[in-house]
Amino acid sequence: MFWKKDIKEIILPAIAVVRNQRSFAFKLVTSAFKALIAAILQSAGGIIPGIGMLISPFSTAPIILSMLISPSYGFLSYVLTIFLLLFMQPSELIVYPFTTGAMAIGIGYGFILFNRRWKVLTFSSLFLCIGICLLLYVVQFPVLGPFLLNFKVSNIIVIYLFSLLYCGLWIELFLRLLPKLIRPIKK
């Protein structure tokens, strides 16, 4: 059953196709292309008001895919996305590195490190919670609205619970769609 499978049983067969059967140049170009897709999706919130805010969270997926190919390619895609946002949509530049991008790095690296969903969920939600807290309490940017700007323990708990829910949705979505998206190359 799907719930009893280890994460590595779901991810490794799909990712092994790209890791083992592709050249260095292909992986590098693919990572750059994924960074471009992530930057376009993230900037949709500023370019297309309203519906763009529903599109921008999907910028997480390309970075997770790059992280699964290799953590170095994932970090490369993450940094390249930040630089592309600097030119495309500078207003999204403060949100992406701390929220969407940090969560993608956490989920991707969690898939590599851990074999159980709850470990990946805890790890990635910690990345997202820390990023949101940095934006709220250090930068004073109201990423979740103005009602959480006061530093309280209850606010941190609410942020972490939101992070758990949001990362949990992304992890399950990704684990269900990844085997369907990547197929072995037929020779």
N, C-alpha and C. Protein backbone atom coordinates (compact mmCIF):
# COMPACT_ATOMS: atom_id res chain seq x y z
N MET A 1 0.85 -1.19 0.00
CA MET A 1 0.00 0.00 0.00
C MET A 1 0.88 1.25 0.00
N PHE A 2 0.36 2.34 -0.53
CA PHE A 2 1.11 3.57 -0.68
C PHE A 2 1.61 4.11 0.67
N TRP A 3 0.79 4.05 1.70
CA TRP A 3 1.16 4.63 3.00
C TRP A 3 2.24 3.84 3.69
N LYS A 4 2.39 2.55 3.37
CA LYS A 4 3.38 1.73 4.05
C LYS A 4 4.72 1.72 3.34
N LYS A 5 4.78 2.22 2.12
CA LYS A 5 6.03 2.24 1.38
C LYS A 5 6.99 3.25 2.00
N ASP A 6 8.27 2.89 1.96
CA ASP A 6 9.29 3.86 2.33
C ASP A 6 9.38 4.91 1.23
N ILE A 7 9.83 6.08 1.59
CA ILE A 7 9.96 7.16 0.62
C ILE A 7 10.96 6.77 -0.47
N LYS A 8 12.03 6.14 -0.07
CA LYS A 8 13.07 5.78 -1.05
C LYS A 8 12.54 4.78 -2.08
N GLU A 9 11.57 3.95 -1.72
CA GLU A 9 10.98 3.02 -2.69
C GLU A 9 10.16 3.75 -3.75
N ILE A 10 9.65 4.91 -3.42
CA ILE A 10 8.86 5.70 -4.37
C ILE A 10 9.77 6.59 -5.21
N ILE A 11 10.73 7.26 -4.56
CA ILE A 11 11.52 8.28 -5.22
C ILE A 11 12.68 7.70 -6.02
N LEU A 12 13.42 6.76 -5.47
CA LEU A 12 14.64 6.30 -6.12
C LEU A 12 14.43 5.72 -7.51
N PRO A 13 13.41 4.90 -7.75
CA PRO A 13 13.25 4.42 -9.14
C PRO A 13 12.99 5.53 -10.15
N ALA A 14 12.25 6.54 -9.74
CA ALA A 14 11.95 7.64 -10.66
C ALA A 14 13.17 8.53 -10.89
N ILE A 15 13.90 8.84 -9.83
CA ILE A 15 15.04 9.74 -9.93
C ILE A 15 16.26 9.04 -10.52
N ALA A 16 16.38 7.73 -10.33
CA ALA A 16 17.52 7.00 -10.88
C ALA A 16 17.60 7.16 -12.39
N VAL A 17 16.46 7.35 -13.03
CA VAL A 17 16.43 7.56 -14.48
C VAL A 17 17.26 8.78 -14.85
N VAL A 18 17.08 9.87 -14.12
CA VAL A 18 17.79 11.10 -14.43
C VAL A 18 19.22 11.06 -13.88
N ARG A 19 19.40 10.52 -12.69
CA ARG A 19 20.73 10.48 -12.08
C ARG A 19 21.71 9.62 -12.87
N ASN A 20 21.28 8.48 -13.34
CA ASN A 20 22.19 7.51 -13.93
C ASN A 20 22.26 7.55 -15.45
N GLN A 21 21.22 7.98 -16.11
CA GLN A 21 21.18 7.87 -17.56
C GLN A 21 21.42 9.19 -18.28
N ARG A 22 21.81 10.22 -17.58
CA ARG A 22 22.00 11.51 -18.22
C ARG A 22 23.40 12.04 -17.97
N SER A 23 23.85 12.90 -18.87
CA SER A 23 25.20 13.46 -18.77
C SER A 23 25.22 14.65 -17.82
N PHE A 24 26.42 15.10 -17.50
CA PHE A 24 26.62 16.25 -16.63
C PHE A 24 25.99 17.50 -17.25
N ALA A 25 26.21 17.69 -18.54
CA ALA A 25 25.67 18.88 -19.22
C ALA A 25 24.14 18.88 -19.19
N PHE A 26 23.53 17.71 -19.40
CA PHE A 26 22.07 17.62 -19.35
C PHE A 26 21.56 18.00 -17.97
N LYS A 27 22.20 17.49 -16.93
CA LYS A 27 21.77 17.80 -15.56
C LYS A 27 21.93 19.28 -15.25
N LEU A 28 23.00 19.88 -15.72
CA LEU A 28 23.24 21.29 -15.47
C LEU A 28 22.21 22.17 -16.20
N VAL A 29 21.96 21.85 -17.45
CA VAL A 29 20.96 22.61 -18.21
C VAL A 29 19.57 22.41 -17.64
N THR A 30 19.27 21.18 -17.23
CA THR A 30 17.97 20.89 -16.63
C THR A 30 17.79 21.68 -15.33
N SER A 31 18.83 21.77 -14.53
CA SER A 31 18.74 22.54 -13.28
C SER A 31 18.51 24.01 -13.57
N ALA A 32 19.19 24.55 -14.57
CA ALA A 32 18.98 25.95 -14.95
C ALA A 32 17.57 26.17 -15.47
N PHE A 33 17.08 25.22 -16.26
CA PHE A 33 15.71 25.33 -16.78
C PHE A 33 14.69 25.26 -15.65
N LYS A 34 14.93 24.40 -14.67
CA LYS A 34 14.03 24.31 -13.52
C LYS A 34 14.05 25.59 -12.71
N ALA A 35 15.22 26.24 -12.63
CA ALA A 35 15.30 27.52 -11.94
C ALA A 35 14.49 28.58 -12.68
N LEU A 36 14.54 28.55 -14.00
CA LEU A 36 13.74 29.49 -14.80
C LEU A 36 12.25 29.26 -14.59
N ILE A 37 11.84 28.00 -14.59
CA ILE A 37 10.43 27.68 -14.35
C ILE A 37 10.01 28.14 -12.95
N ALA A 38 10.86 27.89 -11.96
CA ALA A 38 10.54 28.31 -10.59
C ALA A 38 10.43 29.84 -10.51
N ALA A 39 11.31 30.55 -11.19
CA ALA A 39 11.26 32.01 -11.16
C ALA A 39 9.99 32.53 -11.84
N ILE A 40 9.62 31.92 -12.95
CA ILE A 40 8.40 32.34 -13.65
C ILE A 40 7.17 32.08 -12.78
N LEU A 41 7.12 30.89 -12.17
CA LEU A 41 5.97 30.55 -11.32
C LEU A 41 5.91 31.46 -10.09
N GLN A 42 7.06 31.74 -9.48
CA GLN A 42 7.08 32.60 -8.29
C GLN A 42 6.69 34.03 -8.65
N SER A 43 7.11 34.51 -9.80
CA SER A 43 6.79 35.89 -10.17
C SER A 43 5.36 36.05 -10.66
N ALA A 44 4.65 34.95 -10.86
CA ALA A 44 3.25 35.04 -11.31
C ALA A 44 2.38 35.81 -10.32
N GLY A 45 2.73 35.76 -9.04
CA GLY A 45 1.96 36.49 -8.04
C GLY A 45 1.99 37.99 -8.25
N GLY A 46 3.10 38.52 -8.77
CA GLY A 46 3.20 39.95 -9.02
C GLY A 46 2.77 40.35 -10.41
N ILE A 47 2.89 39.43 -11.35
CA ILE A 47 2.55 39.74 -12.74
C ILE A 47 1.05 39.62 -13.00
N ILE A 48 0.45 38.54 -12.48
CA ILE A 48 -0.98 38.31 -12.68
C ILE A 48 -1.66 38.43 -11.31
N PRO A 49 -2.20 39.59 -10.98
CA PRO A 49 -2.84 39.74 -9.66
C PRO A 49 -4.02 38.77 -9.51
N GLY A 50 -4.17 38.26 -8.31
CA GLY A 50 -5.27 37.34 -8.02
C GLY A 50 -4.90 35.91 -8.29
N ILE A 51 -5.07 35.45 -9.52
CA ILE A 51 -4.81 34.06 -9.88
C ILE A 51 -3.32 33.73 -9.76
N GLY A 52 -2.46 34.73 -9.92
CA GLY A 52 -1.02 34.51 -9.80
C GLY A 52 -0.61 34.07 -8.41
N MET A 53 -1.36 34.48 -7.41
CA MET A 53 -1.06 34.06 -6.04
C MET A 53 -1.33 32.56 -5.86
N LEU A 54 -2.21 32.00 -6.66
CA LEU A 54 -2.46 30.56 -6.62
C LEU A 54 -1.42 29.79 -7.42
N ILE A 55 -0.77 30.46 -8.36
CA ILE A 55 0.24 29.81 -9.20
C ILE A 55 1.61 29.82 -8.51
N SER A 56 1.94 30.87 -7.79
CA SER A 56 3.28 31.03 -7.25
C SER A 56 3.73 29.92 -6.29
N PRO A 57 2.87 29.27 -5.52
CA PRO A 57 3.38 28.18 -4.67
C PRO A 57 3.94 26.99 -5.46
N PHE A 58 3.59 26.87 -6.74
CA PHE A 58 4.10 25.76 -7.53
C PHE A 58 5.57 25.92 -7.91
N SER A 59 6.17 27.04 -7.53
CA SER A 59 7.61 27.20 -7.77
C SER A 59 8.43 26.28 -6.86
N THR A 60 7.79 25.61 -5.93
CA THR A 60 8.47 24.66 -5.07
C THR A 60 8.89 23.41 -5.83
N ALA A 61 8.06 22.93 -6.72
CA ALA A 61 8.29 21.64 -7.38
C ALA A 61 9.59 21.57 -8.19
N PRO A 62 9.95 22.57 -9.00
CA PRO A 62 11.20 22.44 -9.75
C PRO A 62 12.44 22.36 -8.86
N ILE A 63 12.42 23.05 -7.74
CA ILE A 63 13.57 23.03 -6.84
C ILE A 63 13.67 21.66 -6.15
N ILE A 64 12.54 21.09 -5.78
CA ILE A 64 12.56 19.75 -5.18
C ILE A 64 13.13 18.75 -6.18
N LEU A 65 12.71 18.82 -7.43
CA LEU A 65 13.23 17.91 -8.45
C LEU A 65 14.73 18.07 -8.62
N SER A 66 15.21 19.30 -8.63
CA SER A 66 16.65 19.53 -8.74
C SER A 66 17.40 18.98 -7.52
N MET A 67 16.81 19.13 -6.35
CA MET A 67 17.45 18.59 -5.14
C MET A 67 17.55 17.07 -5.21
N LEU A 68 16.55 16.43 -5.79
CA LEU A 68 16.57 14.98 -5.88
C LEU A 68 17.60 14.47 -6.88
N ILE A 69 17.87 15.24 -7.92
CA ILE A 69 18.94 14.85 -8.85
C ILE A 69 20.26 14.87 -8.11
N SER A 70 20.50 15.94 -7.38
CA SER A 70 21.69 16.07 -6.55
C SER A 70 21.51 17.33 -5.70
N PRO A 71 21.93 17.30 -4.44
CA PRO A 71 21.79 18.51 -3.62
C PRO A 71 22.54 19.71 -4.20
N SER A 72 23.66 19.48 -4.86
CA SER A 72 24.39 20.60 -5.45
C SER A 72 23.59 21.24 -6.59
N TYR A 73 22.90 20.43 -7.40
CA TYR A 73 22.05 20.97 -8.45
C TYR A 73 20.84 21.69 -7.85
N GLY A 74 20.34 21.19 -6.74
CA GLY A 74 19.21 21.83 -6.07
C GLY A 74 19.57 23.20 -5.54
N PHE A 75 20.73 23.31 -4.88
CA PHE A 75 21.18 24.61 -4.38
C PHE A 75 21.49 25.56 -5.53
N LEU A 76 22.03 25.02 -6.63
CA LEU A 76 22.29 25.83 -7.81
C LEU A 76 20.98 26.39 -8.36
N SER A 77 19.96 25.57 -8.46
CA SER A 77 18.66 26.03 -8.95
C SER A 77 18.05 27.07 -8.01
N TYR A 78 18.20 26.85 -6.71
CA TYR A 78 17.68 27.78 -5.70
C TYR A 78 18.33 29.16 -5.84
N VAL A 79 19.65 29.19 -5.92
CA VAL A 79 20.37 30.46 -6.03
C VAL A 79 20.09 31.12 -7.37
N LEU A 80 20.06 30.33 -8.43
CA LEU A 80 19.77 30.90 -9.75
C LEU A 80 18.35 31.47 -9.80
N THR A 81 17.41 30.82 -9.13
CA THR A 81 16.04 31.35 -9.07
C THR A 81 16.03 32.70 -8.35
N ILE A 82 16.80 32.82 -7.30
CA ILE A 82 16.88 34.10 -6.58
C ILE A 82 17.42 35.20 -7.49
N PHE A 83 18.48 34.88 -8.25
CA PHE A 83 19.03 35.88 -9.17
C PHE A 83 18.06 36.22 -10.30
N LEU A 84 17.34 35.24 -10.80
CA LEU A 84 16.36 35.51 -11.85
C LEU A 84 15.21 36.37 -11.33
N LEU A 85 14.80 36.13 -10.08
CA LEU A 85 13.74 36.96 -9.48
C LEU A 85 14.20 38.40 -9.30
N LEU A 86 15.49 38.59 -9.09
CA LEU A 86 16.03 39.94 -8.96
C LEU A 86 15.76 40.75 -10.22
N PHE A 87 15.82 40.10 -11.37
CA PHE A 87 15.57 40.79 -12.64
C PHE A 87 14.11 40.75 -13.06
N MET A 88 13.42 39.66 -12.77
CA MET A 88 12.05 39.50 -13.26
C MET A 88 11.02 40.18 -12.36
N GLN A 89 11.09 39.93 -11.07
CA GLN A 89 10.08 40.42 -10.14
C GLN A 89 10.75 40.68 -8.79
N PRO A 90 11.40 41.82 -8.61
CA PRO A 90 12.12 42.07 -7.36
C PRO A 90 11.24 42.07 -6.11
N SER A 91 9.94 42.30 -6.26
CA SER A 91 9.06 42.29 -5.09
C SER A 91 8.92 40.89 -4.51
N GLU A 92 9.10 39.86 -5.31
CA GLU A 92 9.02 38.48 -4.82
C GLU A 92 10.34 38.01 -4.22
N LEU A 93 11.36 38.82 -4.37
CA LEU A 93 12.69 38.41 -3.93
C LEU A 93 12.79 38.25 -2.42
N ILE A 94 12.02 38.96 -1.66
CA ILE A 94 12.09 38.84 -0.20
C ILE A 94 11.30 37.62 0.29
N VAL A 95 10.29 37.21 -0.44
CA VAL A 95 9.45 36.10 0.00
C VAL A 95 10.06 34.74 -0.39
N TYR A 96 10.53 34.62 -1.61
CA TYR A 96 10.96 33.32 -2.12
C TYR A 96 12.10 32.67 -1.31
N PRO A 97 13.20 33.36 -1.03
CA PRO A 97 14.30 32.66 -0.35
C PRO A 97 13.94 32.14 1.04
N PHE A 98 13.00 32.81 1.70
CA PHE A 98 12.67 32.43 3.07
C PHE A 98 11.49 31.46 3.18
N THR A 99 10.63 31.43 2.19
CA THR A 99 9.43 30.59 2.31
C THR A 99 9.44 29.46 1.30
N THR A 100 9.04 29.75 0.08
CA THR A 100 8.88 28.72 -0.94
C THR A 100 10.20 28.01 -1.24
N GLY A 101 11.25 28.77 -1.43
CA GLY A 101 12.56 28.17 -1.72
C GLY A 101 13.12 27.38 -0.56
N ALA A 102 12.99 27.93 0.64
CA ALA A 102 13.50 27.22 1.83
C ALA A 102 12.73 25.91 2.05
N MET A 103 11.43 25.94 1.82
CA MET A 103 10.64 24.73 1.97
C MET A 103 11.05 23.70 0.92
N ALA A 104 11.30 24.14 -0.31
CA ALA A 104 11.72 23.21 -1.37
C ALA A 104 13.06 22.57 -1.03
N ILE A 105 13.99 23.35 -0.52
CA ILE A 105 15.29 22.81 -0.11
C ILE A 105 15.08 21.81 1.03
N GLY A 106 14.22 22.15 1.99
CA GLY A 106 13.96 21.24 3.11
C GLY A 106 13.32 19.94 2.68
N ILE A 107 12.34 20.01 1.79
CA ILE A 107 11.67 18.79 1.33
C ILE A 107 12.63 17.94 0.50
N GLY A 108 13.33 18.56 -0.43
CA GLY A 108 14.25 17.81 -1.27
C GLY A 108 15.37 17.15 -0.48
N TYR A 109 15.96 17.91 0.43
CA TYR A 109 17.04 17.35 1.25
C TYR A 109 16.49 16.32 2.23
N GLY A 110 15.27 16.54 2.71
CA GLY A 110 14.63 15.56 3.59
C GLY A 110 14.38 14.24 2.89
N PHE A 111 13.99 14.30 1.61
CA PHE A 111 13.81 13.07 0.83
C PHE A 111 15.12 12.31 0.70
N ILE A 112 16.22 13.03 0.59
CA ILE A 112 17.53 12.39 0.45
C ILE A 112 17.98 11.79 1.78
N LEU A 113 17.77 12.51 2.87
CA LEU A 113 18.28 12.08 4.18
C LEU A 113 17.43 11.01 4.86
N PHE A 114 16.12 11.15 4.78
CA PHE A 114 15.25 10.33 5.61
C PHE A 114 14.44 9.34 4.78
N ASN A 115 13.95 8.32 5.47
CA ASN A 115 13.21 7.26 4.81
C ASN A 115 11.73 7.26 5.20
N ARG A 116 11.35 8.06 6.14
CA ARG A 116 9.97 8.11 6.61
C ARG A 116 9.36 9.48 6.37
N ARG A 117 8.06 9.47 6.10
CA ARG A 117 7.36 10.72 5.81
C ARG A 117 7.39 11.70 6.98
N TRP A 118 7.20 11.21 8.19
CA TRP A 118 7.12 12.12 9.33
C TRP A 118 8.46 12.81 9.57
N LYS A 119 9.57 12.16 9.25
CA LYS A 119 10.88 12.81 9.40
C LYS A 119 11.06 13.90 8.36
N VAL A 120 10.66 13.60 7.12
CA VAL A 120 10.75 14.61 6.06
C VAL A 120 9.82 15.78 6.39
N LEU A 121 8.64 15.47 6.89
CA LEU A 121 7.67 16.51 7.24
C LEU A 121 8.20 17.41 8.35
N THR A 122 8.76 16.82 9.38
CA THR A 122 9.30 17.60 10.50
C THR A 122 10.47 18.47 10.04
N PHE A 123 11.36 17.87 9.25
CA PHE A 123 12.54 18.57 8.76
C PHE A 123 12.16 19.75 7.86
N SER A 124 11.30 19.51 6.89
CA SER A 124 10.94 20.57 5.94
C SER A 124 10.08 21.65 6.58
N SER A 125 9.20 21.26 7.49
CA SER A 125 8.37 22.27 8.15
C SER A 125 9.21 23.16 9.07
N LEU A 126 10.29 22.61 9.59
CA LEU A 126 11.21 23.43 10.38
C LEU A 126 11.88 24.48 9.49
N PHE A 127 12.28 24.10 8.28
CA PHE A 127 12.85 25.06 7.32
C PHE A 127 11.85 26.18 7.05
N LEU A 128 10.61 25.81 6.75
CA LEU A 128 9.59 26.81 6.42
C LEU A 128 9.27 27.68 7.62
N CYS A 129 9.15 27.10 8.79
CA CYS A 129 8.84 27.87 10.00
C CYS A 129 9.95 28.88 10.32
N ILE A 130 11.19 28.45 10.21
CA ILE A 130 12.31 29.37 10.47
C ILE A 130 12.31 30.50 9.44
N GLY A 131 12.06 30.18 8.17
CA GLY A 131 12.01 31.22 7.14
C GLY A 131 10.90 32.22 7.38
N ILE A 132 9.73 31.74 7.75
CA ILE A 132 8.61 32.64 8.03
C ILE A 132 8.90 33.49 9.26
N CYS A 133 9.47 32.88 10.29
CA CYS A 133 9.81 33.64 11.51
C CYS A 133 10.86 34.71 11.23
N LEU A 134 11.85 34.38 10.38
CA LEU A 134 12.84 35.39 10.01
C LEU A 134 12.19 36.57 9.29
N LEU A 135 11.27 36.27 8.39
CA LEU A 135 10.58 37.35 7.69
C LEU A 135 9.71 38.18 8.64
N LEU A 136 9.01 37.50 9.53
CA LEU A 136 8.09 38.21 10.42
C LEU A 136 8.81 39.00 11.50
N TYR A 137 9.79 38.41 12.15
CA TYR A 137 10.34 39.00 13.36
C TYR A 137 11.70 39.67 13.18
N VAL A 138 12.42 39.36 12.12
CA VAL A 138 13.70 40.02 11.87
C VAL A 138 13.53 41.12 10.82
N VAL A 139 12.94 40.76 9.69
CA VAL A 139 12.76 41.72 8.60
C VAL A 139 11.50 42.57 8.81
N GLN A 140 10.58 42.11 9.64
CA GLN A 140 9.30 42.78 9.90
C GLN A 140 8.44 42.86 8.63
N PHE A 141 8.47 41.80 7.83
CA PHE A 141 7.66 41.71 6.62
C PHE A 141 6.46 40.82 6.92
N PRO A 142 5.23 41.33 6.82
CA PRO A 142 4.05 40.55 7.22
C PRO A 142 3.65 39.51 6.17
N VAL A 143 4.41 38.44 6.09
CA VAL A 143 4.19 37.43 5.07
C VAL A 143 2.88 36.66 5.29
N LEU A 144 2.45 36.49 6.52
CA LEU A 144 1.20 35.80 6.82
C LEU A 144 0.12 36.76 7.31
N GLY A 145 0.35 38.02 7.11
CA GLY A 145 -0.62 39.00 7.57
C GLY A 145 -0.11 39.74 8.80
N PRO A 146 -0.73 40.85 9.12
CA PRO A 146 -0.22 41.68 10.22
C PRO A 146 -0.54 41.13 11.62
N PHE A 147 -1.41 40.15 11.73
CA PHE A 147 -1.81 39.69 13.06
C PHE A 147 -0.75 38.83 13.75
N LEU A 148 0.26 38.36 13.03
CA LEU A 148 1.31 37.53 13.65
C LEU A 148 2.61 38.29 13.86
N LEU A 149 2.61 39.61 13.70
CA LEU A 149 3.84 40.38 13.83
C LEU A 149 4.38 40.46 15.25
N ASN A 150 3.53 40.28 16.25
CA ASN A 150 4.00 40.32 17.63
C ASN A 150 4.64 38.98 17.97
N PHE A 151 5.83 39.03 18.56
CA PHE A 151 6.55 37.81 18.89
C PHE A 151 5.95 37.20 20.16
N LYS A 152 5.25 36.07 19.97
CA LYS A 152 4.68 35.31 21.08
C LYS A 152 4.90 33.84 20.80
N VAL A 153 4.92 33.05 21.85
CA VAL A 153 5.08 31.61 21.69
C VAL A 153 3.87 31.02 20.96
N SER A 154 2.70 31.54 21.24
CA SER A 154 1.50 31.04 20.56
C SER A 154 1.56 31.30 19.06
N ASN A 155 2.13 32.44 18.67
CA ASN A 155 2.29 32.73 17.24
C ASN A 155 3.27 31.76 16.58
N ILE A 156 4.34 31.43 17.28
CA ILE A 156 5.32 30.48 16.75
C ILE A 156 4.66 29.11 16.58
N ILE A 157 3.83 28.71 17.52
CA ILE A 157 3.13 27.43 17.41
C ILE A 157 2.17 27.44 16.22
N VAL A 158 1.46 28.53 16.03
CA VAL A 158 0.55 28.65 14.88
C VAL A 158 1.34 28.58 13.57
N ILE A 159 2.47 29.25 13.51
CA ILE A 159 3.30 29.23 12.31
C ILE A 159 3.81 27.82 12.05
N TYR A 160 4.24 27.12 13.10
CA TYR A 160 4.76 25.76 12.90
C TYR A 160 3.65 24.80 12.48
N LEU A 161 2.46 24.95 13.05
CA LEU A 161 1.34 24.11 12.64
C LEU A 161 0.96 24.37 11.18
N PHE A 162 0.97 25.64 10.78
CA PHE A 162 0.74 25.97 9.37
C PHE A 162 1.82 25.34 8.50
N SER A 163 3.07 25.40 8.94
CA SER A 163 4.17 24.82 8.18
C SER A 163 4.02 23.31 8.06
N LEU A 164 3.60 22.67 9.13
CA LEU A 164 3.37 21.21 9.08
C LEU A 164 2.30 20.86 8.05
N LEU A 165 1.20 21.58 8.08
CA LEU A 165 0.11 21.32 7.15
C LEU A 165 0.54 21.57 5.71
N TYR A 166 1.17 22.69 5.47
CA TYR A 166 1.56 23.08 4.11
C TYR A 166 2.63 22.12 3.55
N CYS A 167 3.63 21.80 4.35
CA CYS A 167 4.66 20.86 3.90
C CYS A 167 4.09 19.46 3.72
N GLY A 168 3.16 19.06 4.58
CA GLY A 168 2.53 17.76 4.44
C GLY A 168 1.78 17.63 3.13
N LEU A 169 1.08 18.69 2.75
CA LEU A 169 0.37 18.68 1.46
C LEU A 169 1.35 18.57 0.30
N TRP A 170 2.45 19.30 0.37
CA TRP A 170 3.44 19.24 -0.69
C TRP A 170 4.12 17.88 -0.77
N ILE A 171 4.45 17.30 0.35
CA ILE A 171 5.12 16.00 0.36
C ILE A 171 4.23 14.93 -0.26
N GLU A 172 2.98 14.89 0.15
CA GLU A 172 2.07 13.88 -0.39
C GLU A 172 1.80 14.10 -1.87
N LEU A 173 1.61 15.34 -2.27
CA LEU A 173 1.41 15.65 -3.68
C LEU A 173 2.61 15.20 -4.50
N PHE A 174 3.78 15.50 -4.02
CA PHE A 174 4.99 15.17 -4.74
C PHE A 174 5.21 13.67 -4.82
N LEU A 175 4.97 12.95 -3.73
CA LEU A 175 5.17 11.51 -3.73
C LEU A 175 4.17 10.79 -4.62
N ARG A 176 3.01 11.35 -4.79
CA ARG A 176 2.01 10.72 -5.66
C ARG A 176 2.24 11.02 -7.13
N LEU A 177 2.75 12.22 -7.44
CA LEU A 177 2.91 12.60 -8.84
C LEU A 177 4.26 12.25 -9.44
N LEU A 178 5.30 12.16 -8.64
CA LEU A 178 6.65 11.92 -9.16
C LEU A 178 6.77 10.64 -9.98
N PRO A 179 6.28 9.49 -9.51
CA PRO A 179 6.41 8.29 -10.34
C PRO A 179 5.65 8.37 -11.66
N LYS A 180 4.62 9.20 -11.72
CA LYS A 180 3.85 9.34 -12.96
C LYS A 180 4.51 10.30 -13.94
N LEU A 181 5.32 11.24 -13.42
CA LEU A 181 5.93 12.25 -14.28
C LEU A 181 7.22 11.77 -14.95
N ILE A 182 8.00 10.98 -14.24
CA ILE A 182 9.30 10.54 -14.76
C ILE A 182 9.21 9.07 -15.12
N ARG A 183 9.47 8.79 -16.36
CA ARG A 183 9.44 7.42 -16.88
C ARG A 183 10.83 7.03 -17.35
N PRO A 184 11.17 5.74 -17.30
CA PRO A 184 12.48 5.31 -17.81
C PRO A 184 12.59 5.55 -19.32
N ILE A 185 13.82 5.76 -19.75
CA ILE A 185 14.09 6.00 -21.18
C ILE A 185 14.13 4.64 -21.89
N LYS A 186 13.37 4.54 -22.96
CA LYS A 186 13.37 3.30 -23.74
C LYS A 186 14.44 3.42 -24.83
N LYS A 187 15.28 2.41 -24.93
CA LYS A 187 16.36 2.45 -25.92
C LYS A 187 15.99 1.65 -27.13
